[in-house]
Structure formats: structure tokens, C-alpha cells
């Protein structure tokens, strides 16, 4: 049955592939090989499949090569765009710092002007009180002089009456008239002096009131100008303070305790700002002083936030194109498939991708450490440490001080690793915590 089917197939293919014979000649004789139609069809089919397979494989390799070149260009463009974004954010941060510094300088100038104006107001107030005292003294003198005049007139009338009753002579009238004229002359002179003093005092009072009105007008202008300056400074300080405060709160950090820790440990230049007071006595500070002190406290907080932010791992540790390939927490182990705790975050990228310090600190380890491979550990403030594992190259040494953004190594595939990536850890007093909490919180600031 099988042979019959083969014969039928050969007969059907004989029109297209007639039987061929290959003669093989040797020293001992000549032999031939029969190539029946079915055999020829099998050879042609096999050859066609091999040619098709070769073409497909060649096309696949060619497409992969094109895609690899395109991916490299995309990675380069993404790296350049990320670097430009970092540069723009750094420039914006420097601009904010310069604006805050300029606002602080303008605030100092405004406070000097306010102090000078308050000094002028105090001097004007003292002058006004002196003039009021002089007017009161003059009025008292005038009242006393009028009273003395009335007493003198009464005494003259009484003496004239007594003299007239005792002597009864008319010649005493001339004497009394002379005495009265003398007394009236004295009283007139005293009244003229009093009137002159009153007129002078009124002129002084008018001048004092004019000066007071002028000073009050200047004080109102200064108050309005100071209000605008205060408002601009407070707005600038609020715009600088809010993102920093939100960053620390998003990272779950207690802002009050962190600021107090930085304030206690800070000993460099530009430390906590000294409060301002304009009070000339030991009484309660005026509203301007209280408002100025509030602004200074906010500027002090911005300064402390900046110091704390540079010492805590808010910065992305990879420069260039990289993707997060594994998160923090329990996961399936890539080697044995068991469920294990992953104490960091993995960022996959090409070998040699630059790695940077996430914050200021001191390198406590730089070398080979078991499953970590080539590893760097950096100690930061407040008990925080960061680890960078599976590196292809280490660019720092133990004991070296690094700043946020300094290049410390290159991404690699050393240690217990399935491919080129960075294993990044953040620890607090030795306990691992999720690094993405800090990276996400600092994304809009750094």
C-alpha cells in the first residue's frame, strides 16, 4: 500500500520533475544514482525551506540591529533631556536662592528705613510734648499774672478807702491816682509780656502741629511702602518655604525635630538669624518688629531646610536613562523563586551608567561585599545611610567626603545579579526604608 502511494506520487510529479540519473565514475567502474520525482520534490522543498529560513533569520537580525541603533539614540536623547532638566532645575533652585538673598537684603534696607522713620517720629513726639509743656507753663503764668493784677486792684481800692476814711482830705486823690497809674503801668507791661509769650507759644504750637502733620504724612507713606515691601518679602519667603516643607512632609519626616536638630548642629556661616526689635524700652515689641521677626524665622527655616535637604537622600541616584526594575518590599527571588524581602530599589540601565551621591556624606565602605558585589556605603546626618551595589566601577575611597550629585561610581552587574542594574538602599539607624519615599518627595525640588 505504501509503495503504491509512492508510485502514484512519483507519477504525478513526473510531468514537473522528470526522473534524473546522476552518473558517478570511478577507477573501478561507473555507477548512477536515480533521482525520482518525489526525491527531487523533497530536495527542492528542503532547499526552499532552508533559503526561506535563512532569509527570515537575516531579516530578524537586520531589524534587531536597526532597533538596537534606534534604542541607543532614544537612550542618548532621554539622557540628554534628563540632564537638561536637571540643569534647568538646578538653575531654578539657584535663582530662588538668589531671590531669597536679594529679598533678605531689601528687607534689611527696609528695616533700616523703618528704624530711621521711627526715630524721627519719636523725636517729633518729644518736641510736641515739650511745646505742650511750654504752652501750659505760659498759660499758668498768664493766669497767675491776671490773678496778681486783680489782687493788686483790690488792694489799691481797699487802701484808697482806708486813706479816705482816716484823713478825709481831697489831696489824697492825686496820690491815689499816681499809685494807680504806676500799678496799671506794671500790669500793662506784664500783660504785654504775657501776650507776647502767648503769641510766641501759639506760633510754636502751630509750627509743631505742622511738623507733626508732615511727620504723620511721611510715616503713612513709610508704612505703606513698608507694607508693600513686607508683602513682597513674605510672598517670596512663602514660595521658597512651601515646597521644602511639603518635600519633608511627603517623606514622612518630622519637620520640627529636623529643624531643631540642624539648628543645634549647625556651626558654619549664615546660621540662625537674630530677631529684630525696634522698641526703645523693655516693653512689648511693636507689630512691625513682630512681623519682621516672623519673616526672619521663615528665612531661618529655609536656611535650615536647605542644610537638611543637602544631607538627606532626596536626589535620584542615577544620571541618564534608567528604569525602576524592582521595588522595595517582599518579592519573588529571581534565582530560586522563593519569597524574600527586597531591602532597596533596583534601577536597570546599561553598564557604565553614571551613579551619583544622593546627599552629602562620608564614604564608610567602598569595595567588594558578598552578594552586593562592588558596593559603596555613605553615612549621612541624623542616622541615615545609603548603599549602592553591583557597581562595575568604584570612583571614591573610604573616608572621602562627597557632596550631593558627585559621581561615585558606574552601574554594573557584579555580585548576585541577573543583569546590569543599581541596587539602591536607604537605611535609618541600620533599618532599611523605602528609598522611593525620598526620591518622590524631592522630585519637584531637585
Protein backbone atom coordinates (compact mmCIF):
# COMPACT_ATOMS: atom_id res chain seq x y z
CA UNK A 1 0.00 0.00 0.00
CA UNK A 2 2.82 2.34 0.94
CA UNK A 3 4.76 1.57 -2.25
CA UNK A 4 1.62 2.14 -4.33
CA UNK A 5 1.19 5.60 -2.83
CA UNK A 6 4.83 6.42 -3.54
CA UNK A 7 4.44 5.29 -7.16
CA UNK A 8 1.34 7.43 -7.59
CA UNK A 9 3.17 10.45 -6.15
CA UNK A 10 6.15 9.88 -8.48
CA UNK A 11 3.83 9.52 -11.46
CA UNK A 12 2.00 12.76 -10.54
CA UNK A 13 5.23 14.69 -10.21
CA UNK A 14 6.86 13.21 -13.30
CA UNK A 15 5.43 15.94 -15.56
CA UNK A 16 7.16 18.67 -13.49
CA UNK A 17 10.19 16.79 -12.17
CA UNK A 18 11.11 14.00 -14.55
CA UNK A 19 13.36 11.25 -13.25
CA UNK A 20 17.06 12.09 -13.38
CA UNK A 21 20.16 9.95 -13.10
CA UNK A 22 23.48 11.10 -11.66
CA UNK A 23 26.40 9.07 -13.05
CA UNK A 24 29.37 8.64 -10.71
CA UNK A 25 32.51 7.47 -12.48
CA UNK A 26 35.48 5.91 -10.67
CA UNK A 27 38.54 3.84 -11.49
CA UNK A 28 36.69 0.62 -10.90
CA UNK A 29 33.59 1.44 -12.84
CA UNK A 30 30.62 3.71 -13.35
CA UNK A 31 27.63 3.94 -11.06
CA UNK A 32 24.50 6.06 -11.20
CA UNK A 33 22.02 7.41 -8.69
CA UNK A 34 18.36 7.64 -9.62
CA UNK A 35 16.59 10.82 -8.52
CA UNK A 36 12.92 10.03 -8.71
CA UNK A 37 10.37 12.91 -8.83
CA UNK A 38 9.36 12.52 -5.17
CA UNK A 39 13.02 12.63 -4.12
CA UNK A 40 13.60 15.72 -6.26
CA UNK A 41 10.47 17.35 -4.73
CA UNK A 42 11.79 16.62 -1.23
CA UNK A 43 15.19 18.11 -2.14
CA UNK A 44 13.59 21.22 -3.67
CA UNK A 45 11.23 21.64 -0.70
CA UNK A 46 14.09 21.25 1.80
CA UNK A 47 16.24 23.70 -0.14
CA UNK A 48 13.38 26.22 -0.30
CA UNK A 49 12.73 25.91 3.42
CA UNK A 50 16.45 26.45 4.16
CA UNK A 51 16.56 29.51 1.91
CA UNK A 52 13.36 30.91 3.45
CA UNK A 53 14.64 30.27 6.98
CA UNK A 54 17.97 31.94 6.12
CA UNK A 55 16.15 34.98 4.73
CA UNK A 56 13.88 35.25 7.76
CA UNK A 57 16.79 34.94 10.22
CA UNK A 58 18.79 37.52 8.26
CA UNK A 59 15.82 39.90 8.29
CA UNK A 60 15.31 39.41 12.03
CA UNK A 61 18.99 40.13 12.74
CA UNK A 62 18.84 43.14 10.45
CA UNK A 63 15.70 44.50 12.20
CA UNK A 64 17.28 43.88 15.63
CA UNK A 65 20.36 45.81 14.55
CA UNK A 66 18.18 48.72 13.39
CA UNK A 67 16.14 48.62 16.62
CA UNK A 68 19.32 48.50 18.72
CA UNK A 69 20.63 51.61 16.99
CA UNK A 70 17.26 53.34 17.46
CA UNK A 71 17.17 52.35 21.16
CA UNK A 72 20.67 53.74 21.70
CA UNK A 73 19.62 57.00 20.07
CA UNK A 74 16.47 57.11 22.25
CA UNK A 75 18.55 56.40 25.37
CA UNK A 76 21.00 59.15 24.40
CA UNK A 77 18.16 61.62 23.77
CA UNK A 78 16.47 60.65 27.04
CA UNK A 79 19.77 61.04 28.90
CA UNK A 80 20.36 64.44 27.33
CA UNK A 81 16.80 65.55 28.13
CA UNK A 82 17.15 64.37 31.73
CA UNK A 83 20.48 66.17 32.10
CA UNK A 84 18.95 69.36 30.65
CA UNK A 85 16.05 69.05 33.08
CA UNK A 86 18.47 68.63 35.98
CA UNK A 87 20.42 71.68 34.83
CA UNK A 88 17.20 73.71 34.50
CA UNK A 89 16.03 72.66 37.97
CA UNK A 90 19.48 73.48 39.41
CA UNK A 91 19.38 76.90 37.72
CA UNK A 92 15.86 77.49 39.07
CA UNK A 93 16.98 76.49 42.57
CA UNK A 94 19.95 78.89 42.35
CA UNK A 95 17.60 81.63 41.11
CA UNK A 96 15.27 81.04 44.05
CA UNK A 97 18.24 81.21 46.43
CA UNK A 98 19.42 84.47 44.83
CA UNK A 99 15.89 85.89 45.03
CA UNK A 100 15.69 84.95 48.70
CA UNK A 101 19.09 86.56 49.34
CA UNK A 102 18.06 89.72 47.45
CA UNK A 103 14.78 89.81 49.36
CA UNK A 104 16.70 89.49 52.60
CA UNK A 105 18.96 92.40 51.59
CA UNK A 106 15.93 94.54 50.63
CA UNK A 107 14.36 93.57 53.92
CA UNK A 108 17.44 94.82 55.78
CA UNK A 109 17.35 98.14 53.91
CA UNK A 110 13.63 98.48 54.62
CA UNK A 111 14.19 97.78 58.30
CA UNK A 112 16.88 100.48 58.39
CA UNK A 113 14.47 102.98 56.80
CA UNK A 114 11.71 101.98 59.20
CA UNK A 115 14.07 102.42 62.15
CA UNK A 116 15.08 105.89 60.91
CA UNK A 117 11.47 106.93 60.44
CA UNK A 118 10.55 105.67 63.89
CA UNK A 119 13.45 107.63 65.33
CA UNK A 120 12.14 110.77 63.59
CA UNK A 121 8.65 110.11 64.89
CA UNK A 122 9.96 109.68 68.42
CA UNK A 123 11.92 112.95 68.14
CA UNK A 124 8.82 114.73 66.79
CA UNK A 125 6.75 113.33 69.62
CA UNK A 126 9.29 114.57 72.16
CA UNK A 127 9.28 118.03 70.53
CA UNK A 128 5.47 118.13 70.59
CA UNK A 129 5.42 117.22 74.28
CA UNK A 130 7.99 119.95 75.01
CA UNK A 131 5.87 122.54 73.16
CA UNK A 132 2.74 121.45 75.00
CA UNK A 133 4.63 121.77 78.28
CA UNK A 134 5.81 125.30 77.31
CA UNK A 135 2.24 126.32 76.40
CA UNK A 136 0.96 125.01 79.73
CA UNK A 137 3.67 126.93 81.58
CA UNK A 138 2.83 130.14 79.68
CA UNK A 139 -0.88 129.74 80.36
CA UNK A 140 -0.17 129.13 84.04
CA UNK A 141 2.00 132.26 84.15
CA UNK A 142 -0.73 134.27 82.40
CA UNK A 143 -3.38 133.08 84.85
CA UNK A 144 -1.11 133.84 87.78
CA UNK A 145 -0.37 137.36 86.42
CA UNK A 146 -4.08 138.09 85.94
CA UNK A 147 -4.77 136.91 89.47
CA UNK A 148 -1.96 139.12 90.81
CA UNK A 149 -3.38 142.07 88.84
CA UNK A 150 -6.85 141.51 90.31
CA UNK A 151 -5.36 141.22 93.80
CA UNK A 152 -3.41 144.47 93.26
CA UNK A 153 -6.53 146.33 92.09
CA UNK A 154 -8.45 145.08 95.11
CA UNK A 155 -5.63 146.13 97.43
CA UNK A 156 -5.45 149.61 95.79
CA UNK A 157 -9.21 150.06 96.21
CA UNK A 158 -9.00 148.95 99.85
CA UNK A 159 -6.07 151.30 100.60
CA UNK A 160 -7.86 154.20 98.95
CA UNK A 161 -10.95 153.55 101.01
CA UNK A 162 -8.94 153.37 104.23
CA UNK A 163 -7.00 156.53 103.43
CA UNK A 164 -10.16 158.43 102.60
CA UNK A 165 -11.86 157.38 105.84
CA UNK A 166 -8.85 158.32 108.01
CA UNK A 167 -7.83 161.66 106.54
CA UNK A 168 -10.98 162.87 104.86
CA UNK A 169 -8.74 165.21 102.71
CA UNK A 170 -9.10 165.57 98.98
CA UNK A 171 -5.37 165.92 98.26
CA UNK A 172 -5.02 162.09 98.64
CA UNK A 173 -6.86 161.59 95.31
CA UNK A 174 -3.84 162.72 93.29
CA UNK A 175 -1.61 160.37 95.25
CA UNK A 176 -4.03 157.55 94.76
CA UNK A 177 -4.19 158.31 91.07
CA UNK A 178 -0.39 158.22 90.77
CA UNK A 179 -0.30 154.91 92.61
CA UNK A 180 -2.99 153.52 90.38
CA UNK A 181 -1.17 154.68 87.25
CA UNK A 182 2.03 153.07 88.50
CA UNK A 183 0.23 149.81 89.22
CA UNK A 184 -1.55 149.93 85.88
CA UNK A 185 1.76 150.56 84.08
CA UNK A 186 3.23 147.49 85.79
CA UNK A 187 0.18 145.43 84.96
CA UNK A 188 0.16 146.64 81.36
CA UNK A 189 3.82 145.75 80.96
CA UNK A 190 3.19 142.32 82.48
CA UNK A 191 0.16 141.79 80.22
CA UNK A 192 2.14 142.80 77.14
CA UNK A 193 4.92 140.37 78.03
CA UNK A 194 2.32 137.69 78.66
CA UNK A 195 0.61 138.42 75.33
CA UNK A 196 3.94 138.29 73.51
CA UNK A 197 4.73 134.96 75.19
CA UNK A 198 1.28 133.67 74.31
CA UNK A 199 1.67 134.72 70.65
CA UNK A 200 5.13 133.14 70.53
CA UNK A 201 3.77 129.96 72.09
CA UNK A 202 0.91 129.84 69.61
CA UNK A 203 3.35 130.27 66.74
CA UNK A 204 5.48 127.45 68.18
CA UNK A 205 2.38 125.29 68.62
CA UNK A 206 1.33 125.95 65.02
CA UNK A 207 4.82 125.06 63.77
CA UNK A 208 4.83 121.92 65.93
CA UNK A 209 1.42 120.89 64.61
CA UNK A 210 2.59 121.46 61.03
CA UNK A 211 5.70 119.38 61.68
CA UNK A 212 3.57 116.70 63.31
CA UNK A 213 1.24 116.58 60.30
CA UNK A 214 4.22 116.38 57.94
CA UNK A 215 5.79 113.61 60.02
CA UNK A 216 2.47 111.75 60.18
CA UNK A 217 2.18 112.02 56.38
CA UNK A 218 5.75 110.73 55.96
CA UNK A 219 5.03 107.97 58.46
CA UNK A 220 1.91 106.96 56.50
CA UNK A 221 3.95 106.85 53.27
CA UNK A 222 6.66 104.84 55.01
CA UNK A 223 4.05 102.49 56.46
CA UNK A 224 2.52 101.92 53.02
CA UNK A 225 5.95 101.38 51.46
CA UNK A 226 6.92 99.03 54.28
CA UNK A 227 3.64 97.13 53.83
CA UNK A 228 4.44 96.56 50.15
CA UNK A 229 8.00 95.51 50.98
CA UNK A 230 6.79 93.18 53.74
CA UNK A 231 4.17 91.66 51.44
CA UNK A 232 6.71 91.00 48.66
CA UNK A 233 9.21 89.54 51.10
CA UNK A 234 6.57 87.37 52.78
CA UNK A 235 5.33 86.10 49.39
CA UNK A 236 8.88 85.27 48.26
CA UNK A 237 9.64 83.52 51.54
CA UNK A 238 6.37 81.55 51.36
CA UNK A 239 7.07 80.46 47.77
CA UNK A 240 10.53 79.22 48.82
CA UNK A 241 9.38 77.63 52.08
CA UNK A 242 6.25 75.75 50.96
CA UNK A 243 7.94 73.28 48.51
CA UNK A 244 10.66 72.45 51.04
CA UNK A 245 8.15 71.90 53.82
CA UNK A 246 5.97 69.78 51.50
CA UNK A 247 9.02 67.72 50.49
CA UNK A 248 9.88 66.84 54.09
CA UNK A 249 6.25 66.09 54.97
CA UNK A 250 5.87 63.90 51.87
CA UNK A 251 8.91 61.93 53.03
CA UNK A 252 7.23 61.43 56.42
CA UNK A 253 9.90 63.37 58.28
CA UNK A 254 9.07 65.42 61.41
CA UNK A 255 9.95 68.91 60.26
CA UNK A 256 10.11 70.48 63.74
CA UNK A 257 12.55 67.93 65.13
CA UNK A 258 14.68 68.00 61.96
CA UNK A 259 14.97 71.79 62.04
CA UNK A 260 15.85 71.70 65.72
CA UNK A 261 18.50 69.01 65.07
CA UNK A 262 20.04 71.04 62.24
CA UNK A 263 19.90 74.23 64.35
CA UNK A 264 21.79 72.53 67.21
CA UNK A 265 24.42 71.02 64.93
CA UNK A 266 24.90 73.96 62.61
CA UNK A 267 28.08 75.90 63.29
CA UNK A 268 29.02 77.36 59.89
CA UNK A 269 28.45 80.83 58.49
CA UNK A 270 24.92 82.12 57.99
CA UNK A 271 23.38 80.31 60.98
CA UNK A 272 20.11 81.23 62.72
CA UNK A 273 19.06 84.82 62.10
CA UNK A 274 18.93 87.19 65.09
CA UNK A 275 15.45 88.67 65.79
CA UNK A 276 14.94 92.38 65.24
CA UNK A 277 13.49 94.75 67.85
CA UNK A 278 12.71 98.47 67.45
CA UNK A 279 11.48 99.05 70.98
CA UNK A 280 13.32 101.81 72.85
CA UNK A 281 12.32 100.34 76.17
CA UNK A 282 11.96 96.91 77.67
CA UNK A 283 8.24 96.77 76.81
CA UNK A 284 6.36 94.60 74.32
CA UNK A 285 7.75 94.79 70.72
CA UNK A 286 5.64 96.73 68.23
CA UNK A 287 3.76 94.98 65.37
CA UNK A 288 6.46 95.87 62.83
CA UNK A 289 9.10 94.15 64.96
CA UNK A 290 6.89 91.09 65.42
CA UNK A 291 6.22 90.89 61.70
CA UNK A 292 9.91 91.30 60.88
CA UNK A 293 10.80 88.57 63.36
CA UNK A 294 8.26 86.24 61.72
CA UNK A 295 9.92 86.81 58.33
CA UNK A 296 13.35 86.22 59.83
CA UNK A 297 12.13 83.00 61.41
CA UNK A 298 10.87 81.82 58.00
CA UNK A 299 14.21 82.74 56.38
CA UNK A 300 15.97 80.83 59.14
CA UNK A 301 13.70 77.83 58.45
CA UNK A 302 14.53 78.00 54.70
CA UNK A 303 18.22 78.03 55.54
CA UNK A 304 17.84 75.05 57.87
CA UNK A 305 15.69 73.20 55.33
CA UNK A 306 18.40 73.72 52.71
CA UNK A 307 21.07 72.30 55.02
CA UNK A 308 18.88 69.31 55.92
CA UNK A 309 17.90 68.66 52.29
CA UNK A 310 21.52 68.53 51.18
CA UNK A 311 22.26 65.97 53.92
CA UNK A 312 19.27 63.65 53.27
CA UNK A 313 18.89 61.32 50.23
CA UNK A 314 16.27 63.21 48.20
CA UNK A 315 18.26 63.10 44.91
CA UNK A 316 17.80 60.48 42.15
CA UNK A 317 20.98 58.33 42.27
CA UNK A 318 21.24 57.63 38.50
CA UNK A 319 22.18 60.08 35.76
CA UNK A 320 20.85 59.10 32.35
CA UNK A 321 18.27 56.64 31.04
CA UNK A 322 17.29 54.03 33.63
CA UNK A 323 14.07 52.30 34.64
CA UNK A 324 12.94 51.04 38.01
CA UNK A 325 13.04 47.25 37.59
CA UNK A 326 12.21 46.21 41.17
CA UNK A 327 10.63 47.97 44.14
CA UNK A 328 11.03 47.89 47.90
CA UNK A 329 9.39 45.07 49.88
CA UNK A 330 8.70 41.36 49.54
CA UNK A 331 9.15 39.84 46.06
CA UNK A 332 9.91 36.55 44.29
CA UNK A 333 13.67 35.87 44.32
CA UNK A 334 14.97 35.87 40.70
CA UNK A 335 17.36 32.95 41.43
CA UNK A 336 15.42 30.40 43.49
CA UNK A 337 11.82 31.72 43.19
CA UNK A 338 11.25 31.98 46.96
CA UNK A 339 9.52 34.97 48.57
CA UNK A 340 12.15 37.24 50.11
CA UNK A 341 12.42 40.77 51.40
CA UNK A 342 13.99 43.22 48.93
CA UNK A 343 15.59 45.95 51.07
CA UNK A 344 16.10 48.51 48.34
CA UNK A 345 15.10 49.64 44.84
CA UNK A 346 16.64 48.40 41.57
CA UNK A 347 17.29 50.72 38.59
CA UNK A 348 18.20 48.91 35.34
CA UNK A 349 20.40 50.51 32.73
CA UNK A 350 23.49 49.98 30.56
CA UNK A 351 26.83 49.08 32.12
CA UNK A 352 28.77 52.25 32.92
CA UNK A 353 25.73 54.47 33.57
CA UNK A 354 26.89 57.27 35.95
CA UNK A 355 25.82 56.97 39.60
CA UNK A 356 25.81 59.97 41.99
CA UNK A 357 25.61 60.52 45.73
CA UNK A 358 22.03 61.14 46.83
CA UNK A 359 23.13 63.52 49.62
CA UNK A 360 26.17 64.97 51.37
CA UNK A 361 28.03 62.48 53.50
CA UNK A 362 31.17 60.44 54.22
CA UNK A 363 32.08 57.18 52.45
CA UNK A 364 32.21 54.41 55.08
CA UNK A 365 32.74 51.47 52.67
CA UNK A 366 33.98 51.18 49.09
CA UNK A 367 34.85 47.70 47.86
CA UNK A 368 33.63 44.15 47.34
CA UNK A 369 30.97 42.79 49.73
CA UNK A 370 29.50 39.34 49.03
CA UNK A 371 26.19 39.31 47.15
CA UNK A 372 26.30 43.11 46.84
CA UNK A 373 29.32 42.84 44.54
CA UNK A 374 31.13 46.13 44.25
CA UNK A 375 29.40 48.35 46.79
CA UNK A 376 29.62 51.88 48.21
CA UNK A 377 28.10 52.91 51.56
CA UNK A 378 27.75 56.59 52.52
CA UNK A 379 26.90 57.88 56.01
CA UNK A 380 24.68 60.98 56.17
CA UNK A 381 23.32 63.03 59.08
CA UNK A 382 20.58 62.02 61.53
CA UNK A 383 21.43 58.30 61.32
CA UNK A 384 20.74 57.88 57.56
CA UNK A 385 22.99 55.79 55.26
CA UNK A 386 22.75 54.88 51.56
CA UNK A 387 24.11 51.83 49.72
CA UNK A 388 24.95 51.47 46.01
CA UNK A 389 25.51 47.83 44.93
CA UNK A 390 26.51 45.72 41.83
CA UNK A 391 28.79 48.51 40.51
CA UNK A 392 31.14 47.96 37.59
CA UNK A 393 33.49 50.66 38.86
CA UNK A 394 34.01 52.47 42.18
CA UNK A 395 35.21 56.07 41.91
CA UNK A 396 35.54 57.03 45.62
CA UNK A 397 37.55 55.80 48.59
CA UNK A 398 36.66 55.03 52.18
CA UNK A 399 36.75 58.13 54.40
CA UNK A 400 36.21 60.50 51.48
CA UNK A 401 33.66 63.31 51.87
CA UNK A 402 31.17 63.60 48.98
CA UNK A 403 28.52 66.17 48.10
CA UNK A 404 25.06 65.65 46.70
CA UNK A 405 25.33 65.00 42.94
CA UNK A 406 29.02 63.93 42.96
CA UNK A 407 29.73 60.93 40.70
CA UNK A 408 30.74 57.99 42.88
CA UNK A 409 30.65 55.00 40.52
CA UNK A 410 29.30 53.25 37.43
CA UNK A 411 26.37 50.84 37.03
CA UNK A 412 27.34 47.20 36.60
CA UNK A 413 26.49 43.51 37.06
CA UNK A 414 28.74 42.31 39.90
CA UNK A 415 27.70 40.13 42.81
CA UNK A 416 24.35 38.31 42.97
CA UNK A 417 22.79 39.95 39.93
CA UNK A 418 20.90 38.87 36.80
CA UNK A 419 21.83 41.92 34.70
CA UNK A 420 23.24 45.42 34.69
CA UNK A 421 21.43 47.48 37.34
CA UNK A 422 21.88 49.53 40.54
CA UNK A 423 20.63 48.14 43.85
CA UNK A 424 19.99 51.31 45.94
CA UNK A 425 19.22 51.23 49.68
CA UNK A 426 18.35 53.88 52.28
CA UNK A 427 18.74 52.91 55.94
CA UNK A 428 17.83 54.72 59.15
CA UNK A 429 19.98 53.57 62.08
CA UNK A 430 20.59 50.32 60.18
CA UNK A 431 16.91 49.62 59.36
CA UNK A 432 16.08 49.65 55.61
CA UNK A 433 13.33 52.05 54.47
CA UNK A 434 11.77 52.66 51.07
CA UNK A 435 14.10 54.93 49.03
CA UNK A 436 11.26 55.99 46.70
CA UNK A 437 9.69 57.90 49.59
CA UNK A 438 12.62 60.34 49.48
CA UNK A 439 13.03 60.33 45.67
CA UNK A 440 9.33 61.04 45.09
CA UNK A 441 9.27 63.77 47.74
CA UNK A 442 12.32 65.53 46.27
CA UNK A 443 11.23 65.18 42.63
CA UNK A 444 9.71 68.71 42.46
CA UNK A 445 12.61 70.35 44.33
CA UNK A 446 15.81 68.79 42.98
